[in-house]
Protein backbone atom coordinates (compact mmCIF):
# COMPACT_ATOMS: atom_id res chain seq x y z
CA UNK A 1 67.68 150.46 188.55
CA UNK A 2 66.71 154.60 187.91
CA UNK A 3 65.65 154.66 184.20
CA UNK A 4 64.40 157.53 182.15
CA UNK A 5 61.92 156.89 179.52
CA UNK A 6 62.04 160.13 176.30
CA UNK A 7 58.87 160.02 174.55
CA UNK A 8 55.41 159.15 176.26
CA UNK A 9 53.85 158.00 172.73
CA UNK A 10 52.88 154.45 172.53
CA UNK A 11 56.18 152.59 172.71
CA UNK A 12 57.55 154.85 175.43
CA UNK A 13 54.46 154.30 177.55
CA UNK A 14 54.46 150.85 177.11
CA UNK A 15 57.62 150.47 177.81
CA UNK A 16 57.93 152.67 181.02
CA UNK A 17 54.72 151.14 182.60
CA UNK A 18 56.29 147.97 182.04
CA UNK A 19 59.59 148.62 183.53
CA UNK A 20 57.89 150.16 185.93
CA UNK A 21 55.40 147.11 187.03
CA UNK A 22 58.70 145.05 187.56
CA UNK A 23 60.34 148.02 190.24
CA UNK A 24 62.26 149.50 188.26
CA UNK A 25 62.33 153.13 189.09
CA UNK A 26 61.24 154.45 186.42
CA UNK A 27 60.61 158.26 184.88
CA UNK A 28 58.75 158.91 181.75
CA UNK A 29 59.99 162.50 180.00
CA UNK A 30 57.73 164.68 177.26
CA UNK A 31 57.08 167.76 176.39
CA UNK A 32 53.59 167.60 176.11
CA UNK A 33 52.08 168.22 179.79
CA UNK A 34 49.14 166.53 179.23
CA UNK A 35 50.50 163.14 178.87
CA UNK A 36 52.79 163.21 181.79
CA UNK A 37 49.68 164.56 183.69
CA UNK A 38 47.42 161.82 182.87
CA UNK A 39 50.21 159.61 184.01
CA UNK A 40 50.99 161.05 187.11
CA UNK A 41 46.86 160.39 187.56
CA UNK A 42 47.24 156.62 186.74
CA UNK A 43 46.28 156.55 183.43
CA UNK A 44 47.61 156.11 180.24
CA UNK A 45 47.97 159.00 177.27
CA UNK A 46 47.28 156.14 174.74
CA UNK A 47 44.85 153.35 174.24
CA UNK A 48 46.12 149.70 174.80
CA UNK A 49 44.59 146.51 175.98
CA UNK A 50 45.84 146.15 180.49
CA UNK A 51 47.86 149.38 180.01
CA UNK A 52 45.48 151.44 181.89
CA UNK A 53 46.06 149.32 184.72
CA UNK A 54 49.45 148.76 184.74
CA UNK A 55 50.24 152.53 184.88
CA UNK A 56 47.93 152.83 187.68
CA UNK A 57 49.45 150.00 189.84
CA UNK A 58 53.00 151.69 189.32
CA UNK A 59 51.77 154.62 190.21
CA UNK A 60 50.51 153.98 193.01
CA UNK A 61 54.07 151.68 193.94
CA UNK A 62 55.89 154.93 193.54
CA UNK A 63 57.58 153.11 190.32
CA UNK A 64 56.52 155.20 187.75
CA UNK A 65 56.81 159.42 187.69
CA UNK A 66 56.99 161.89 184.80
CA UNK A 67 58.59 165.43 184.56
CA UNK A 68 58.21 167.69 181.60
CA UNK A 69 61.67 168.27 182.92
CA UNK A 70 65.20 166.15 182.05
CA UNK A 71 67.35 167.62 185.15
CA UNK A 72 65.05 165.48 187.56
CA UNK A 73 64.30 162.79 185.66
CA UNK A 74 68.22 162.47 184.90
CA UNK A 75 69.01 162.82 188.58
CA UNK A 76 71.01 159.58 189.37
CA UNK A 77 69.80 157.45 186.83
CA UNK A 78 71.79 155.00 185.03
CA UNK A 79 69.82 154.82 181.89
CA UNK A 80 67.96 156.67 179.36
CA UNK A 81 65.41 155.26 176.74
CA UNK A 82 64.81 156.78 174.04
CA UNK A 83 61.25 156.21 172.72
CA UNK A 84 60.57 159.47 170.91
CA UNK A 85 58.97 159.96 167.11
CA UNK A 86 60.72 159.19 164.23
CA UNK A 87 58.55 160.47 161.58
CA UNK A 88 59.01 160.52 157.51
CA UNK A 89 60.99 163.41 156.17
CA UNK A 90 59.49 164.91 153.01
CA UNK A 91 61.89 163.49 150.85
CA UNK A 92 60.83 159.82 151.87
CA UNK A 93 63.93 159.48 154.63
CA UNK A 94 63.82 159.64 158.78
CA UNK A 95 63.70 162.78 160.43
CA UNK A 96 65.88 162.27 163.23
CA UNK A 97 65.12 165.79 165.22
CA UNK A 98 63.06 164.16 167.97
CA UNK A 99 65.44 161.73 168.47
CA UNK A 100 68.47 164.45 168.38
CA UNK A 101 66.96 167.13 170.18
CA UNK A 102 66.34 164.49 172.87
CA UNK A 103 69.89 163.06 173.19
CA UNK A 104 71.21 166.69 173.18
CA UNK A 105 68.73 167.57 176.22
CA UNK A 106 70.43 164.26 177.60
CA UNK A 107 73.95 165.34 177.14
CA UNK A 108 73.24 168.74 178.58
CA UNK A 109 71.60 167.38 181.85
CA UNK A 110 73.83 164.88 182.43
CA UNK A 111 76.97 167.83 182.34
CA UNK A 112 75.03 169.54 185.10
CA UNK A 113 72.91 167.27 186.98
CA UNK A 114 74.54 165.58 189.95
CA UNK A 115 74.83 161.97 190.06
CA UNK A 116 75.26 158.82 192.26
CA UNK A 117 76.35 156.83 189.34
CA UNK A 118 79.57 156.67 187.47
CA UNK A 119 78.47 155.71 184.09
CA UNK A 120 75.39 156.58 181.94
CA UNK A 121 73.90 154.29 179.17
CA UNK A 122 71.67 156.35 176.31
CA UNK A 123 69.80 154.14 174.46
CA UNK A 124 67.87 154.70 171.48
CA UNK A 125 64.39 152.67 171.28
CA UNK A 126 63.00 154.60 168.07
CA UNK A 127 63.22 153.43 165.16
CA UNK A 128 66.40 154.74 163.36
CA UNK A 129 68.47 154.62 159.92
CA UNK A 130 71.71 152.33 160.47
CA UNK A 131 74.49 154.38 161.11
CA UNK A 132 72.59 156.76 163.64
CA UNK A 133 73.40 155.66 166.94
CA UNK A 134 77.43 155.90 166.26
CA UNK A 135 77.25 158.60 163.36
CA UNK A 136 74.66 161.07 165.01
CA UNK A 137 74.31 160.13 168.75
CA UNK A 138 77.24 159.65 170.09
CA UNK A 139 78.85 162.70 168.49
CA UNK A 140 75.86 164.92 169.83
CA UNK A 141 77.15 163.39 173.56
CA UNK A 142 80.22 163.93 172.66
CA UNK A 143 80.07 167.74 172.32
CA UNK A 144 78.35 167.83 175.42
CA UNK A 145 80.00 166.01 177.55
CA UNK A 146 83.52 165.30 175.88
CA UNK A 147 85.03 168.03 178.44
CA UNK A 148 83.46 167.05 181.40
CA UNK A 149 85.09 163.77 181.95
CA UNK A 150 81.52 161.82 182.44
CA UNK A 151 81.49 158.49 181.14
CA UNK A 152 78.37 157.51 178.84
CA UNK A 153 77.99 154.79 176.18
CA UNK A 154 75.42 154.14 173.08
CA UNK A 155 73.40 151.56 171.85
CA UNK A 156 70.30 150.15 170.29
CA UNK A 157 67.65 148.27 171.42
CA UNK A 158 64.76 148.15 168.91
CA UNK A 159 60.92 147.45 169.93
CA UNK A 160 58.76 144.84 168.68
CA UNK A 161 55.59 146.44 170.12
CA UNK A 162 52.58 145.77 167.99
CA UNK A 163 49.06 148.25 169.12
CA UNK A 164 46.94 146.07 170.10
CA UNK A 165 49.00 143.57 172.01
CA UNK A 166 51.67 145.93 173.02
CA UNK A 167 52.32 144.98 176.97
CA UNK A 168 52.00 141.35 175.91
CA UNK A 169 54.06 141.69 172.96
CA UNK A 170 56.85 143.34 175.45
CA UNK A 171 56.57 140.64 178.46
CA UNK A 172 57.21 138.15 175.76
CA UNK A 173 59.44 139.20 172.60
CA UNK A 174 60.73 137.21 169.91
CA UNK A 175 64.18 138.43 170.95
CA UNK A 176 65.82 141.12 172.52
CA UNK A 177 68.42 142.54 171.44
CA UNK A 178 70.95 145.04 172.02
CA UNK A 179 73.49 146.86 169.27
CA UNK A 180 76.49 147.94 171.74
CA UNK A 181 80.21 148.29 171.42
CA UNK A 182 80.48 148.70 174.88
CA UNK A 183 80.19 146.36 177.77
CA UNK A 184 79.18 148.04 180.49
CA UNK A 185 75.97 149.25 178.10
CA UNK A 186 75.29 146.05 177.26
CA UNK A 187 75.58 144.81 181.00
CA UNK A 188 73.19 147.56 181.91
CA UNK A 189 70.99 146.52 179.64
CA UNK A 190 71.06 142.53 180.23
CA UNK A 191 70.45 143.67 184.20
CA UNK A 192 67.11 146.20 183.14
CA UNK A 193 65.78 143.86 181.57
CA UNK A 194 66.67 140.47 183.07
CA UNK A 195 63.32 139.34 184.07
CA UNK A 196 62.16 138.59 180.40
CA UNK A 197 62.52 135.03 179.55
CA UNK A 198 64.80 135.79 176.34
CA UNK A 199 68.28 136.52 177.07
CA UNK A 200 69.65 139.70 175.80
CA UNK A 201 71.88 139.63 172.48
CA UNK A 202 74.31 141.71 172.21
CA UNK A 203 75.34 142.69 168.31
CA UNK A 204 76.57 145.42 166.44
CA UNK A 205 74.84 148.74 166.54
CA UNK A 206 74.11 148.95 163.37
CA UNK A 207 72.98 145.21 162.96
CA UNK A 208 70.61 146.26 165.93
CA UNK A 209 69.60 149.14 163.64
CA UNK A 210 68.73 147.31 160.86
CA UNK A 211 66.71 144.73 162.23
CA UNK A 212 63.77 146.26 162.62
CA UNK A 213 63.13 147.54 158.98
CA UNK A 214 63.52 143.94 158.16
CA UNK A 215 61.62 143.14 160.12
CA UNK A 216 58.50 145.90 159.21
CA UNK A 217 59.88 145.22 155.27
CA UNK A 218 58.97 141.41 155.77
CA UNK A 219 55.59 142.21 157.23
CA UNK A 220 54.37 144.76 155.12
CA UNK A 221 55.54 142.24 152.12
CA UNK A 222 53.64 139.51 153.34
CA UNK A 223 50.57 141.55 153.58
CA UNK A 224 51.30 142.58 150.08
CA UNK A 225 52.04 139.06 148.81
CA UNK A 226 49.15 137.79 150.22
CA UNK A 227 46.43 140.32 148.76
CA UNK A 228 48.02 140.14 145.02
CA UNK A 229 47.42 136.62 145.45
CA UNK A 230 43.98 137.17 146.65
CA UNK A 231 43.00 139.74 143.84
CA UNK A 232 44.24 137.02 141.36
CA UNK A 233 42.80 134.21 143.00
CA UNK A 234 39.00 135.23 143.94
CA UNK A 235 38.64 135.83 139.51
CA UNK A 236 38.63 131.94 139.92
CA UNK A 237 36.75 131.67 142.44
CA UNK A 238 38.95 130.34 144.63
CA UNK A 239 39.04 131.22 148.77
CA UNK A 240 42.22 132.60 149.40
CA UNK A 241 41.86 132.97 153.18
CA UNK A 242 41.29 129.00 153.05
CA UNK A 243 44.52 128.97 150.78
CA UNK A 244 46.67 130.77 152.83
CA UNK A 245 45.86 128.56 156.00
CA UNK A 246 46.92 125.51 154.48
CA UNK A 247 49.66 127.63 153.54
CA UNK A 248 50.91 128.68 156.69
CA UNK A 249 50.58 125.00 157.84
CA UNK A 250 53.84 124.68 156.35
CA UNK A 251 56.43 125.21 158.47
CA UNK A 252 59.32 123.58 157.21
CA UNK A 253 59.65 126.09 154.11
CA UNK A 254 56.62 128.56 154.03
CA UNK A 255 57.08 129.99 157.60
CA UNK A 256 60.62 129.17 159.08
CA UNK A 257 64.18 130.12 158.41
CA UNK A 258 64.35 128.15 154.94
CA UNK A 259 64.66 131.14 152.01
CA UNK A 260 65.56 133.55 154.21
CA UNK A 261 69.57 133.60 154.01
CA UNK A 262 71.04 135.74 151.76
CA UNK A 263 72.78 134.91 149.02
CA UNK A 264 72.61 134.19 145.03
CA UNK A 265 69.54 134.22 142.93
CA UNK A 266 67.09 131.97 143.04
CA UNK A 267 66.62 129.37 140.04
CA UNK A 268 65.92 125.46 139.57
CA UNK A 269 62.59 124.08 138.13
CA UNK A 270 59.55 125.53 139.91
CA UNK A 271 60.29 129.18 141.53
CA UNK A 272 61.16 130.84 138.20
CA UNK A 273 58.27 128.75 136.30
CA UNK A 274 55.65 129.25 138.79
CA UNK A 275 55.73 132.99 139.23
CA UNK A 276 55.99 133.43 135.39
CA UNK A 277 52.40 131.31 135.10
CA UNK A 278 51.01 133.21 138.16
CA UNK A 279 51.79 136.35 136.66
CA UNK A 280 50.79 135.00 133.15
CA UNK A 281 47.01 133.87 134.83
CA UNK A 282 47.57 137.83 136.07
CA UNK A 283 47.45 139.24 132.66
CA UNK A 284 44.71 136.50 131.05
CA UNK A 285 42.30 138.20 134.37
CA UNK A 286 43.76 141.82 134.01
CA UNK A 287 45.02 141.76 137.54
CA UNK A 288 48.43 143.75 137.86
CA UNK A 289 50.79 142.08 140.64
CA UNK A 290 53.40 144.57 140.62
CA UNK A 291 55.02 142.22 143.96
CA UNK A 292 55.40 139.41 142.03
CA UNK A 293 56.66 140.75 138.63
CA UNK A 294 58.98 142.55 141.10
CA UNK A 295 60.14 139.62 142.48
CA UNK A 296 61.27 138.46 139.07
CA UNK A 297 62.55 141.56 138.52
CA UNK A 298 65.11 141.43 141.53
CA UNK A 299 66.30 138.59 140.80
CA UNK A 300 67.36 139.45 137.28
CA UNK A 301 69.32 142.45 139.56
CA UNK A 302 70.93 139.68 141.86
CA UNK A 303 72.63 138.34 138.59
CA UNK A 304 73.53 141.49 137.10
CA UNK A 305 75.13 142.61 140.42
CA UNK A 306 77.22 139.66 140.69
CA UNK A 307 78.14 139.83 136.76
CA UNK A 308 79.50 143.66 137.44
CA UNK A 309 81.40 142.26 140.66
CA UNK A 310 83.37 140.07 138.22
CA UNK A 311 83.97 142.48 135.01
CA UNK A 312 85.09 145.57 137.49
CA UNK A 313 88.29 143.01 138.36
CA UNK A 314 91.04 142.80 135.66
CA UNK A 315 91.86 139.09 135.70
CA UNK A 316 90.45 136.83 133.08
CA UNK A 317 90.41 133.05 134.80
CA UNK A 318 87.42 132.17 136.93
CA UNK A 319 86.70 128.97 138.75
CA UNK A 320 82.84 128.30 139.28
CA UNK A 321 82.64 125.87 142.30
CA UNK A 322 78.76 124.75 141.66
CA UNK A 323 76.86 124.61 138.77
CA UNK A 324 73.30 123.01 139.74
CA UNK A 325 70.77 125.56 141.25
CA UNK A 326 70.86 123.75 144.68
CA UNK A 327 73.39 121.79 146.63
CA UNK A 328 73.64 118.13 146.42
CA UNK A 329 71.66 118.03 143.34
CA UNK A 330 72.18 117.87 140.09
CA UNK A 331 69.38 119.28 138.07
CA UNK A 332 70.63 122.23 136.23
CA UNK A 333 67.24 123.49 134.84
CA UNK A 334 67.56 127.30 135.49
CA UNK A 335 69.75 127.19 138.00
CA UNK A 336 71.37 131.16 138.41
CA UNK A 337 75.16 129.19 138.06
CA UNK A 338 74.16 127.99 134.46
CA UNK A 339 72.93 131.79 133.82
CA UNK A 340 76.32 132.95 135.28
CA UNK A 341 78.67 130.60 133.52
CA UNK A 342 77.06 131.35 129.98
CA UNK A 343 77.13 135.27 130.94
CA UNK A 344 80.75 135.20 131.67
CA UNK A 345 81.51 132.51 128.77
CA UNK A 346 80.13 135.15 126.28
CA UNK A 347 82.21 137.87 127.52
CA UNK A 348 85.10 136.41 127.13
CA UNK A 349 86.36 134.96 130.78
CA UNK A 350 88.43 131.45 130.76
CA UNK A 351 86.08 129.57 133.06
CA UNK A 352 86.86 126.31 134.44
CA UNK A 353 83.47 124.81 136.15
CA UNK A 354 83.96 122.09 138.93
CA UNK A 355 80.31 120.64 140.32
CA UNK A 356 80.94 117.78 142.88
CA UNK A 357 77.15 116.13 142.13
CA UNK A 358 77.19 117.01 138.12
CA UNK A 359 78.24 114.26 136.11
CA UNK A 360 77.16 114.99 132.36
CA UNK A 361 77.14 111.45 131.26
CA UNK A 362 74.25 111.10 133.94
CA UNK A 363 72.26 113.88 133.10
CA UNK A 364 68.94 112.74 131.15
CA UNK A 365 65.55 114.45 129.93
CA UNK A 366 64.69 117.94 130.15
CA UNK A 367 67.71 118.29 132.65
CA UNK A 368 69.97 117.48 129.48
CA UNK A 369 67.87 119.27 127.15
CA UNK A 370 68.24 122.50 129.06
CA UNK A 371 71.99 122.36 129.49
CA UNK A 372 72.48 121.64 125.95
CA UNK A 373 70.66 124.52 124.87
CA UNK A 374 72.81 127.02 127.27
CA UNK A 375 75.74 125.78 127.48
CA UNK A 376 76.08 123.00 124.23
CA UNK A 377 80.14 122.60 124.97
CA UNK A 378 79.84 121.98 128.52
CA UNK A 379 82.14 118.89 128.77
CA UNK A 380 84.89 121.83 127.45
CA UNK A 381 84.93 123.62 130.95
CA UNK A 382 84.14 120.85 133.69
CA UNK A 383 87.00 119.68 135.57
CA UNK A 384 87.04 116.92 137.40
CA UNK A 385 88.14 118.64 140.99
CA UNK A 386 87.98 121.89 143.14
CA UNK A 387 91.83 122.40 142.75
CA UNK A 388 91.82 121.67 139.32
CA UNK A 389 89.32 124.58 138.67
CA UNK A 390 91.19 126.71 141.29
CA UNK A 391 94.72 126.31 139.40
CA UNK A 392 95.65 129.34 138.07
CA UNK A 393 92.57 130.93 138.42
CA UNK A 394 92.41 134.36 139.61
CA UNK A 395 88.81 134.45 140.60
CA UNK A 396 86.51 131.66 142.82
CA UNK A 397 82.33 131.82 142.37
CA UNK A 398 81.48 129.78 145.06
CA UNK A 399 77.56 128.25 145.74
CA UNK A 400 78.88 124.38 146.38
CA UNK A 401 79.59 124.21 150.48
CA UNK A 402 80.84 120.72 149.75
CA UNK A 403 83.93 119.40 152.02
CA UNK A 404 86.07 119.03 148.81
CA UNK A 405 85.68 122.58 147.81
CA UNK A 406 86.18 123.91 150.84
CA UNK A 407 89.63 122.25 151.58
CA UNK A 408 90.73 123.27 148.13
CA UNK A 409 89.72 126.49 148.54
CA UNK A 410 91.96 126.22 151.99
CA UNK A 411 94.85 124.90 149.92
CA UNK A 412 94.88 126.46 147.15
CA UNK A 413 93.10 130.12 147.56
CA UNK A 414 92.86 132.11 144.57
CA UNK A 415 93.19 135.94 144.94
CA UNK A 416 89.43 136.80 144.63
CA UNK A 417 86.40 134.47 146.49
CA UNK A 418 83.02 135.69 146.09
CA UNK A 419 80.88 133.41 147.97
CA UNK A 420 77.21 132.66 146.60
CA UNK A 421 75.99 130.60 149.37
CA UNK A 422 77.21 132.07 152.98
CA UNK A 423 77.74 128.60 154.04
CA UNK A 424 81.74 127.98 153.08
CA UNK A 425 82.54 128.40 157.27
CA UNK A 426 84.66 130.52 158.98
CA UNK A 427 87.94 129.54 157.96
CA UNK A 428 86.88 130.74 154.04
CA UNK A 429 85.58 133.99 155.02
CA UNK A 430 89.14 134.55 157.06
CA UNK A 431 90.72 134.45 153.62
CA UNK A 432 92.74 137.72 151.88
CA UNK A 433 90.52 138.36 149.17
CA UNK A 434 86.89 137.08 150.53
CA UNK A 435 83.89 138.38 149.70
CA UNK A 436 80.21 137.70 150.29
CA UNK A 437 78.16 138.03 147.47
CA UNK A 438 75.57 140.21 149.95
CA UNK A 439 77.44 140.79 153.38
């Protein structure tokens, strides 16, 4: 397959060399002649272990070529990969100038270059905000090619290359994602990347665009999280390196998909209490922990958002399905659902609560004390079944994924359902009036 790679910076050079090493006919395009000449001479313009050898071998094999012009690179090419820079704009946004310029060049060249292919895929590899491919890239191509009858499709294929291990990362990616609505583009990218062990996952375009931001934001958060704790622990004579070594041994909760599901606020007897304790320790040691402090603030905003979405409606009867902080638990201590109930009662809503597990007569100790302090008349709001809670309700706030709760929602759906858990299943999500708390 002939492929044109636009932008011979780090990502573009690694991408071009790796694809060429697997036998694809790759043309690297860059306006910087010094880069194209270095690659043509068998040398990489960027420093990366193993890349010089890969470039030299591909050039010698005749599978890697370069050009400062677009027309030669696109002649008979089936795929264009846009790997140009997307620097920050002065206002903090993303400067898409290089991307749009490259795409415009592609469109202009395709309109005049003779081709033996009847379809061309334009795939963005640069990190771009969600909506860029559909709202900016595709219209540029349509403006250039719309009247010429040239068939094309667009996609987003984010890269996950770490400098210093980019070649290894290319050949052993954590996942391979292509965001496109065009089956022809999906097929072309699956063929192009067919040598990878990871199968191509075809998703919505905006999902692919957002994925790279989610990954990088999480990586940055992990760095700041670790460094914040180390600033505090160092003053207490603790070696944070050993703490984090042990921390990473937990693959069930710490380094795992757990807690990485969009949903309602966190709560319970541990997380809020221990965060407050850490922040107190920090104040006592004159250490500022903005990330952890912001975690509590962000959690509060999740609560506020749900309350505002409830109050935006005009109806007054609310069914709250799930009261404890976790499914299959009757622990109500610092449950965000208890706070939600308390807030809605205070705002005058008629509230009906059903939790398959919570039995007021069986609450004891601090659990009982907590609910008596927050909802002293809990028994007045509790009903025995989810169906009873839903009868006549205008809105259901659902955090329980109990089978009886899901069955009740399907048999007696209210006009609005606000899913706080994301575990209700496709049948409930298909109901008219369904909303997810974060989706």
